[in-house]
N, C-alpha and C. Protein backbone atom coordinates (compact mmCIF):
# COMPACT_ATOMS: atom_id res chain seq x y z
N MET A 1 -11.08 8.83 -0.75
CA MET A 1 -11.02 9.82 -0.77
C MET A 1 -12.30 10.34 -1.18
N ALA A 2 -12.25 11.62 -1.22
CA ALA A 2 -13.85 12.63 -1.41
C ALA A 2 -13.91 13.44 -1.67
N ILE A 3 -14.70 14.08 -2.38
CA ILE A 3 -14.47 15.39 -2.98
C ILE A 3 -15.75 15.96 -1.40
N ARG A 4 -15.44 17.33 -1.08
CA ARG A 4 -15.98 17.80 0.20
C ARG A 4 -16.67 19.12 -0.68
N THR A 5 -17.99 19.34 0.12
CA THR A 5 -18.29 20.27 -0.40
C THR A 5 -17.27 21.66 -0.10
N ILE A 6 -17.12 22.78 -1.30
CA ILE A 6 -17.01 24.33 -0.34
C ILE A 6 -17.94 24.89 -0.33
N VAL A 7 -17.69 25.43 0.99
CA VAL A 7 -18.42 26.64 1.76
C VAL A 7 -17.73 27.55 0.83
N THR A 8 -19.09 28.79 0.74
CA THR A 8 -18.88 29.88 0.40
C THR A 8 -19.15 31.38 1.38
N GLU A 9 -18.40 31.87 0.60
CA GLU A 9 -18.82 33.57 1.37
C GLU A 9 -20.26 33.73 2.30
N GLY A 10 -20.56 33.99 3.57
CA GLY A 10 -21.46 33.88 4.29
C GLY A 10 -21.81 32.55 4.93
N ASP A 11 -20.76 31.78 5.01
CA ASP A 11 -21.36 30.66 5.43
C ASP A 11 -20.25 30.82 7.29
N SER A 12 -20.95 30.73 8.20
CA SER A 12 -20.33 31.12 9.85
C SER A 12 -19.07 30.30 9.65
N CYS A 13 -18.54 29.33 8.97
CA CYS A 13 -17.56 29.04 9.18
C CYS A 13 -16.35 29.46 8.51
N LEU A 14 -16.62 30.28 7.69
CA LEU A 14 -15.26 31.36 7.26
C LEU A 14 -15.17 32.29 7.91
N ALA A 15 -15.66 32.43 9.35
CA ALA A 15 -15.86 33.32 9.93
C ALA A 15 -15.02 33.06 11.20
N LYS A 16 -14.86 32.20 11.53
CA LYS A 16 -14.51 31.75 12.76
C LYS A 16 -12.89 30.96 12.91
N VAL A 17 -12.26 31.57 14.22
CA VAL A 17 -10.91 30.91 14.03
C VAL A 17 -10.87 29.45 14.65
N CYS A 18 -10.19 28.95 13.54
CA CYS A 18 -10.11 27.13 13.78
C CYS A 18 -8.97 27.36 15.07
N ARG A 19 -9.39 25.70 15.57
CA ARG A 19 -8.76 25.00 16.68
C ARG A 19 -7.44 24.44 16.20
N PRO A 20 -6.33 24.32 17.24
CA PRO A 20 -5.14 23.43 16.53
C PRO A 20 -5.24 22.48 16.56
N VAL A 21 -4.83 21.83 15.65
CA VAL A 21 -5.10 20.02 14.94
C VAL A 21 -4.42 19.46 16.84
N THR A 22 -4.62 18.41 17.34
CA THR A 22 -4.00 17.95 18.27
C THR A 22 -3.95 16.37 18.40
N ASP A 23 -4.45 15.61 17.35
CA ASP A 23 -4.89 14.58 17.04
C ASP A 23 -4.04 14.45 15.62
N PHE A 24 -3.17 13.59 15.24
CA PHE A 24 -2.54 13.41 13.73
C PHE A 24 -3.12 11.81 13.70
N ASN A 25 -3.85 11.88 13.44
CA ASN A 25 -4.56 10.19 12.95
C ASN A 25 -5.33 10.19 11.73
N ASP A 26 -5.67 9.01 12.23
CA ASP A 26 -6.05 8.48 10.14
C ASP A 26 -7.79 9.20 10.08
N ARG A 27 -8.21 10.13 10.79
CA ARG A 27 -9.36 11.26 10.43
C ARG A 27 -8.37 12.25 10.15
N LEU A 28 -7.21 13.03 10.16
CA LEU A 28 -6.68 14.36 9.75
C LEU A 28 -6.07 13.61 8.53
N HIS A 29 -5.71 12.05 8.37
CA HIS A 29 -4.92 12.07 6.68
C HIS A 29 -6.15 11.38 6.03
N MET A 30 -7.33 11.87 6.20
CA MET A 30 -8.34 11.39 5.05
C MET A 30 -8.82 12.76 5.18
N LEU A 31 -9.34 13.53 6.52
CA LEU A 31 -9.51 15.02 6.03
C LEU A 31 -9.05 16.11 4.86
N LEU A 32 -6.87 15.48 4.95
CA LEU A 32 -6.61 16.15 3.99
C LEU A 32 -6.18 15.61 2.80
N ASP A 33 -6.43 14.05 2.42
CA ASP A 33 -6.29 13.44 1.32
C ASP A 33 -7.79 14.17 0.66
N ASP A 34 -8.96 14.30 1.36
CA ASP A 34 -10.27 14.92 0.81
C ASP A 34 -9.79 16.07 0.49
N MET A 35 -9.20 16.97 0.92
CA MET A 35 -8.77 18.35 0.62
C MET A 35 -8.03 18.63 -0.48
N ARG A 36 -7.29 17.79 -0.73
CA ARG A 36 -5.97 17.47 -2.07
C ARG A 36 -7.06 17.01 -2.87
N ASP A 37 -8.00 16.33 -3.15
CA ASP A 37 -9.13 15.64 -3.94
C ASP A 37 -10.21 16.57 -4.16
N THR A 38 -10.25 17.34 -3.52
CA THR A 38 -11.62 18.85 -3.39
C THR A 38 -10.60 19.83 -4.46
N LEU A 39 -9.32 19.83 -3.81
CA LEU A 39 -8.72 21.08 -4.72
C LEU A 39 -8.33 20.73 -6.15
N GLU A 40 -7.98 19.52 -6.39
CA GLU A 40 -7.64 19.41 -7.34
C GLU A 40 -8.82 19.33 -8.10
N LYS A 41 -10.21 18.57 -8.07
CA LYS A 41 -11.88 18.53 -9.06
C LYS A 41 -11.51 20.71 -8.77
N ALA A 42 -10.98 21.39 -8.09
CA ALA A 42 -12.22 22.81 -7.71
C ALA A 42 -10.64 23.56 -8.78
N GLU A 43 -9.81 22.91 -9.22
CA GLU A 43 -8.39 23.20 -10.29
C GLU A 43 -7.98 25.17 -9.08
N GLY A 44 -7.96 24.50 -8.11
CA GLY A 44 -7.02 26.09 -7.19
C GLY A 44 -6.11 25.89 -6.98
N ALA A 45 -5.23 26.62 -5.57
CA ALA A 45 -4.23 26.72 -5.42
C ALA A 45 -3.83 26.43 -4.11
N GLY A 46 -5.22 26.85 -3.47
CA GLY A 46 -4.85 26.06 -1.68
C GLY A 46 -5.82 25.94 -1.48
N LEU A 47 -6.15 25.59 -0.46
CA LEU A 47 -7.44 25.00 0.33
C LEU A 47 -7.66 24.78 1.97
N ALA A 48 -8.07 25.40 2.85
CA ALA A 48 -7.78 25.51 4.06
C ALA A 48 -9.33 24.34 4.78
N ALA A 49 -9.02 23.94 5.71
CA ALA A 49 -10.25 23.29 6.55
C ALA A 49 -11.27 24.16 6.57
N PRO A 50 -11.35 25.26 7.25
CA PRO A 50 -13.20 25.37 7.04
C PRO A 50 -13.28 25.48 5.96
N GLN A 51 -12.91 26.27 4.79
CA GLN A 51 -13.38 26.48 3.52
C GLN A 51 -14.15 24.58 3.27
N VAL A 52 -13.89 23.38 4.04
CA VAL A 52 -14.90 22.43 3.53
C VAL A 52 -15.42 21.96 4.85
N GLY A 53 -15.68 22.94 6.13
CA GLY A 53 -16.61 22.94 6.93
C GLY A 53 -15.60 22.35 8.48
N VAL A 54 -14.59 22.33 7.98
CA VAL A 54 -14.38 22.01 9.30
C VAL A 54 -13.05 23.03 10.38
N LEU A 55 -13.78 23.18 11.21
CA LEU A 55 -12.83 23.99 11.74
C LEU A 55 -11.40 23.81 12.66
N ARG A 56 -11.00 23.40 12.23
CA ARG A 56 -9.45 22.36 12.53
C ARG A 56 -7.85 23.63 11.54
N ARG A 57 -7.15 23.65 12.35
CA ARG A 57 -5.52 24.75 11.84
C ARG A 57 -4.80 23.55 10.29
N ALA A 58 -5.79 23.76 9.61
CA ALA A 58 -4.75 22.76 8.58
C ALA A 58 -5.57 23.33 7.01
N ALA A 59 -3.96 23.20 6.36
CA ALA A 59 -4.19 23.67 4.56
C ALA A 59 -3.37 23.64 4.01
N LEU A 60 -3.73 23.20 3.29
CA LEU A 60 -2.71 22.76 2.09
C LEU A 60 -2.85 23.89 0.69
N ILE A 61 -1.40 23.52 0.08
CA ILE A 61 -1.16 24.56 -0.89
C ILE A 61 -0.90 23.84 -2.10
N MET A 62 -0.90 24.08 -3.29
CA MET A 62 0.21 23.53 -4.59
C MET A 62 1.46 24.17 -4.02
N ASP A 63 2.48 23.20 -4.65
CA ASP A 63 3.75 23.81 -4.53
C ASP A 63 4.26 24.04 -5.46
N GLY A 64 3.71 24.17 -6.59
CA GLY A 64 4.32 24.55 -8.15
C GLY A 64 4.92 23.59 -9.16
N GLN A 65 5.09 22.36 -8.41
CA GLN A 65 5.74 21.60 -9.17
C GLN A 65 5.26 20.18 -9.35
N GLY A 66 3.50 20.07 -8.69
CA GLY A 66 2.35 18.76 -9.01
C GLY A 66 2.15 18.38 -7.65
N GLY A 67 3.05 19.29 -6.82
CA GLY A 67 3.08 18.34 -5.43
C GLY A 67 1.99 19.20 -4.11
N TYR A 68 1.49 18.85 -3.15
CA TYR A 68 0.96 20.25 -2.23
C TYR A 68 1.94 19.77 -1.17
N ILE A 69 2.14 20.94 -0.05
CA ILE A 69 2.62 21.29 0.78
C ILE A 69 1.33 21.26 2.36
N GLU A 70 1.54 20.63 2.86
CA GLU A 70 0.29 20.59 4.11
C GLU A 70 0.82 21.11 5.13
N LEU A 71 0.08 22.03 5.83
CA LEU A 71 0.38 22.94 6.91
C LEU A 71 -0.64 22.75 8.09
N ILE A 72 -0.15 22.37 9.03
CA ILE A 72 -1.10 21.71 10.14
C ILE A 72 -0.57 22.71 11.10
N ASN A 73 -1.39 23.32 11.40
CA ASN A 73 -1.32 24.38 13.10
C ASN A 73 0.17 25.17 12.55
N PRO A 74 -0.41 25.82 10.98
CA PRO A 74 1.08 26.63 10.50
C PRO A 74 0.94 28.16 11.60
N VAL A 75 2.39 28.75 11.68
CA VAL A 75 2.64 29.69 11.99
C VAL A 75 3.40 30.63 11.34
N ILE A 76 3.26 32.17 10.49
CA ILE A 76 4.24 32.42 10.42
C ILE A 76 5.67 33.30 11.10
N THR A 77 6.43 32.91 11.04
CA THR A 77 7.68 33.14 12.13
C THR A 77 8.39 34.12 11.62
N TRP A 78 8.26 34.51 10.55
CA TRP A 78 9.41 35.52 10.09
C TRP A 78 8.74 36.15 8.12
N GLU A 79 8.93 37.12 7.79
CA GLU A 79 8.38 37.68 6.71
C GLU A 79 9.30 39.14 6.50
N GLU A 80 9.11 38.92 5.07
CA GLU A 80 9.76 39.96 4.40
C GLU A 80 9.43 41.12 3.33
N GLY A 81 9.98 42.22 2.65
CA GLY A 81 9.48 42.62 1.15
C GLY A 81 7.63 42.90 1.22
N SER A 82 7.47 43.02 0.08
CA SER A 82 5.65 43.12 -0.14
C SER A 82 5.36 42.96 -1.47
N GLN A 83 4.40 42.39 -1.78
CA GLN A 83 4.02 42.24 -3.27
C GLN A 83 2.38 42.38 -3.25
N ASP A 84 1.85 43.31 -4.39
CA ASP A 84 1.19 43.81 -4.62
C ASP A 84 0.51 42.80 -5.88
N GLY A 85 -0.62 42.00 -5.62
CA GLY A 85 -1.08 41.06 -6.43
C GLY A 85 -2.59 40.56 -6.28
N PRO A 86 -3.13 39.60 -7.92
CA PRO A 86 -4.22 39.28 -7.75
C PRO A 86 -4.25 38.34 -6.78
N GLU A 87 -5.35 38.42 -6.46
CA GLU A 87 -6.38 37.13 -5.78
C GLU A 87 -7.41 36.68 -5.83
N GLY A 88 -8.12 35.73 -5.77
CA GLY A 88 -9.53 35.06 -5.85
C GLY A 88 -9.36 33.77 -4.73
N CYS A 89 -10.23 33.03 -4.12
CA CYS A 89 -10.76 32.21 -3.48
C CYS A 89 -11.78 31.21 -4.25
N LEU A 90 -11.89 29.71 -3.59
CA LEU A 90 -12.74 29.61 -4.02
C LEU A 90 -13.88 29.19 -3.36
N SER A 91 -14.16 30.17 -1.96
CA SER A 91 -15.06 30.75 -0.99
C SER A 91 -15.77 31.69 -1.39
N VAL A 92 -15.06 32.38 -2.34
CA VAL A 92 -15.87 33.31 -2.88
C VAL A 92 -15.60 33.52 -4.71
N PRO A 93 -16.38 32.50 -5.20
CA PRO A 93 -16.34 32.24 -6.71
C PRO A 93 -16.72 33.75 -7.09
N GLY A 94 -16.05 33.84 -9.00
CA GLY A 94 -16.10 34.85 -9.38
C GLY A 94 -16.04 36.03 -9.41
N ARG A 95 -14.92 36.56 -8.26
CA ARG A 95 -14.23 37.54 -7.79
C ARG A 95 -12.85 37.98 -7.33
N TYR A 96 -11.84 38.64 -7.96
CA TYR A 96 -10.85 38.59 -7.89
C TYR A 96 -10.46 40.56 -7.01
N GLY A 97 -9.23 40.19 -6.38
CA GLY A 97 -8.71 41.33 -6.09
C GLY A 97 -7.44 41.60 -5.81
N MET A 98 -6.87 43.09 -5.80
CA MET A 98 -5.55 43.51 -5.24
C MET A 98 -5.36 43.16 -3.70
N VAL A 99 -4.37 42.44 -3.48
CA VAL A 99 -4.26 42.40 -2.03
C VAL A 99 -2.68 42.50 -1.51
N GLU A 100 -2.26 43.18 -0.84
CA GLU A 100 -0.93 42.97 -0.78
C GLU A 100 -0.45 42.41 0.51
N ARG A 101 0.48 41.12 0.19
CA ARG A 101 1.11 40.67 1.01
C ARG A 101 2.67 40.25 0.99
N PRO A 102 3.42 39.63 2.13
CA PRO A 102 4.97 39.33 2.13
C PRO A 102 5.27 38.85 0.81
N GLN A 103 6.57 39.32 0.55
CA GLN A 103 7.51 38.37 -0.85
C GLN A 103 7.74 37.70 -0.26
N LYS A 104 7.96 37.41 1.06
CA LYS A 104 9.12 36.00 1.47
C LYS A 104 8.41 35.86 2.98
N VAL A 105 7.92 34.13 3.25
CA VAL A 105 7.52 34.18 4.26
C VAL A 105 8.54 32.45 5.03
N THR A 106 8.48 32.77 5.86
CA THR A 106 8.62 31.35 6.91
C THR A 106 7.70 30.76 7.67
N VAL A 107 7.35 29.41 7.05
CA VAL A 107 5.96 28.73 8.44
C VAL A 107 6.74 28.11 8.94
N ARG A 108 6.26 27.88 10.34
CA ARG A 108 6.21 27.08 11.24
C ARG A 108 5.32 26.08 11.16
N PHE A 109 4.87 24.71 11.27
CA PHE A 109 3.90 24.07 10.99
C PHE A 109 4.65 22.33 11.29
N GLN A 110 3.29 21.62 11.15
CA GLN A 110 3.46 20.28 11.74
C GLN A 110 3.01 19.65 10.24
N ASP A 111 3.86 18.93 9.88
CA ASP A 111 3.53 17.46 9.22
C ASP A 111 2.23 17.06 9.38
N ARG A 112 1.47 15.98 8.46
CA ARG A 112 0.61 15.56 8.75
C ARG A 112 0.43 13.62 10.29
N ASN A 113 1.73 13.62 10.14
CA ASN A 113 2.16 12.91 11.50
C ASN A 113 2.29 13.68 12.99
N GLY A 114 2.79 14.63 12.54
CA GLY A 114 2.73 16.22 13.71
C GLY A 114 4.06 16.26 14.07
N LYS A 115 4.98 15.88 13.15
CA LYS A 115 6.52 16.08 13.05
C LYS A 115 6.36 17.54 13.08
N ASP A 116 7.38 18.38 13.60
CA ASP A 116 7.68 19.58 13.03
C ASP A 116 8.87 20.28 12.15
N GLN A 117 8.41 21.29 11.15
CA GLN A 117 8.49 21.72 10.33
C GLN A 117 8.84 22.91 10.07
N GLU A 118 9.27 23.22 9.00
CA GLU A 118 9.51 24.59 8.69
C GLU A 118 10.04 24.78 7.20
N ILE A 119 9.10 25.93 6.86
CA ILE A 119 9.65 26.15 5.66
C ILE A 119 9.96 27.43 4.86
N HIS A 120 10.26 28.08 3.99
CA HIS A 120 10.60 29.64 3.68
C HIS A 120 10.05 29.18 2.11
N LEU A 121 9.09 30.59 2.15
CA LEU A 121 8.22 30.22 0.80
C LEU A 121 8.75 31.99 0.28
N GLU A 122 8.64 31.86 -0.86
CA GLU A 122 8.79 33.57 -1.95
C GLU A 122 7.52 33.54 -3.05
N ASP A 123 7.03 34.73 -2.84
CA ASP A 123 6.23 34.52 -4.51
C ASP A 123 5.18 34.25 -4.09
N PHE A 124 4.21 33.96 -5.32
CA PHE A 124 3.23 33.31 -5.43
C PHE A 124 3.04 32.01 -4.31
N LEU A 125 4.24 31.03 -3.73
CA LEU A 125 3.43 30.34 -2.21
C LEU A 125 3.30 31.31 -1.58
N ALA A 126 4.42 32.39 -1.04
CA ALA A 126 3.87 33.14 0.17
C ALA A 126 2.86 33.42 0.44
N ARG A 127 2.02 34.37 -0.93
CA ARG A 127 0.95 34.84 -1.05
C ARG A 127 -0.22 33.77 -0.86
N ALA A 128 -0.03 32.68 -1.63
CA ALA A 128 -0.84 31.06 -1.00
C ALA A 128 -0.55 30.89 0.18
N ALA A 129 -0.05 30.92 0.83
CA ALA A 129 0.56 30.28 2.27
C ALA A 129 -0.32 31.75 3.16
N CYS A 130 -0.21 32.79 3.08
CA CYS A 130 -0.94 34.04 3.79
C CYS A 130 -1.92 33.76 3.60
N HIS A 131 -2.79 33.33 2.26
CA HIS A 131 -4.30 33.43 2.05
C HIS A 131 -4.71 32.46 3.05
N GLU A 132 -3.97 31.12 2.70
CA GLU A 132 -4.79 29.62 3.71
C GLU A 132 -4.42 30.36 5.49
N ILE A 133 -3.35 30.62 5.53
CA ILE A 133 -3.47 30.81 7.49
C ILE A 133 -4.59 31.98 7.08
N ASP A 134 -4.70 32.75 6.65
CA ASP A 134 -5.84 33.95 7.34
C ASP A 134 -7.15 32.97 7.01
N HIS A 135 -7.52 32.25 6.23
CA HIS A 135 -9.09 31.27 6.25
C HIS A 135 -8.86 30.64 7.97
N LEU A 136 -7.66 29.95 8.09
CA LEU A 136 -7.56 29.77 9.63
C LEU A 136 -8.07 30.67 11.19
N ASP A 137 -7.94 31.46 10.46
CA ASP A 137 -7.97 33.01 11.53
C ASP A 137 -9.35 33.55 11.25
N GLY A 138 -10.53 33.02 10.17
CA GLY A 138 -11.54 33.56 10.05
C GLY A 138 -11.62 34.56 9.00
N LEU A 139 -10.48 35.00 8.46
CA LEU A 139 -10.56 36.20 7.78
C LEU A 139 -10.40 35.85 6.31
N LEU A 140 -11.15 36.56 5.33
CA LEU A 140 -11.12 36.13 3.87
C LEU A 140 -10.59 37.23 3.36
N TYR A 141 -9.88 37.19 2.38
CA TYR A 141 -8.82 38.13 1.68
C TYR A 141 -9.78 39.11 1.06
N THR A 142 -11.22 39.07 1.08
CA THR A 142 -11.92 40.74 0.93
C THR A 142 -12.02 41.48 1.85
N ARG A 143 -11.62 40.73 2.87
CA ARG A 143 -11.35 42.66 4.17
C ARG A 143 -10.04 42.80 3.76
N LEU A 144 -9.21 42.75 2.62
CA LEU A 144 -8.00 43.16 3.03
C LEU A 144 -7.31 44.00 0.83
N VAL A 145 -8.69 43.88 0.36
CA VAL A 145 -8.55 43.68 -1.25
C VAL A 145 -8.51 45.25 -1.16
N SER A 146 -7.50 45.92 -2.17
CA SER A 146 -7.46 47.48 -2.11
C SER A 146 -8.17 47.94 -3.20
N ARG A 147 -8.66 47.20 -4.54
CA ARG A 147 -9.34 47.23 -5.50
C ARG A 147 -9.61 46.03 -6.13
N TYR A 148 -11.01 45.62 -6.86
CA TYR A 148 -11.61 44.57 -7.27
C TYR A 148 -10.95 44.65 -8.77
N LEU A 149 -10.95 43.56 -9.16
CA LEU A 149 -10.84 43.10 -10.37
C LEU A 149 -11.92 42.78 -11.50
N ASN A 150 -12.22 42.57 -12.65
CA ASN A 150 -12.81 42.48 -13.45
C ASN A 150 -12.47 40.52 -13.89
N PRO A 151 -13.34 40.09 -12.85
CA PRO A 151 -13.49 38.58 -13.89
C PRO A 151 -12.83 37.76 -14.91
N GLU A 152 -13.13 38.58 -15.90
CA GLU A 152 -12.79 38.44 -17.38
C GLU A 152 -11.27 38.60 -17.49
N ASP A 153 -10.58 39.56 -17.13
CA ASP A 153 -9.46 39.36 -16.73
C ASP A 153 -8.39 37.77 -16.42
N PHE A 154 -9.32 36.70 -15.63
CA PHE A 154 -9.09 35.69 -15.61
C PHE A 154 -9.54 34.79 -16.27
N GLU A 155 -10.40 34.74 -16.89
CA GLU A 155 -10.80 33.61 -18.06
C GLU A 155 -9.93 33.28 -18.94
């Protein structure tokens, strides 16, 4: 495993729509493992492939219990409710803002071996999944911010 460089706002990778993953092989597994190591080192809550310069539909989020949810070719199939909360991003260091997201989502995706999966997420995990899936569509949270917050509030 390796720590990859996280690209930051202004890098063209962050503005592009990612291609679907079609090969569920060792190369994908290495990417996912590297992303997990990179996320752990950066102490973030989620990471999408374009954030490490790879334009594929792959992301992972922390599951809140010390593990990770790997989302390959994710699609939100259902959402309910609304939550307005603070967000930051490893690709936009030092900036935070209030973003409205669904309170609950269902995500259809594939696991690292290509097996179809579906997961229901609520609250922070729903927010994290939406944030990472937006990355796969070339959308940074900064385009959704209703108001920016002071970085000191998060230190």
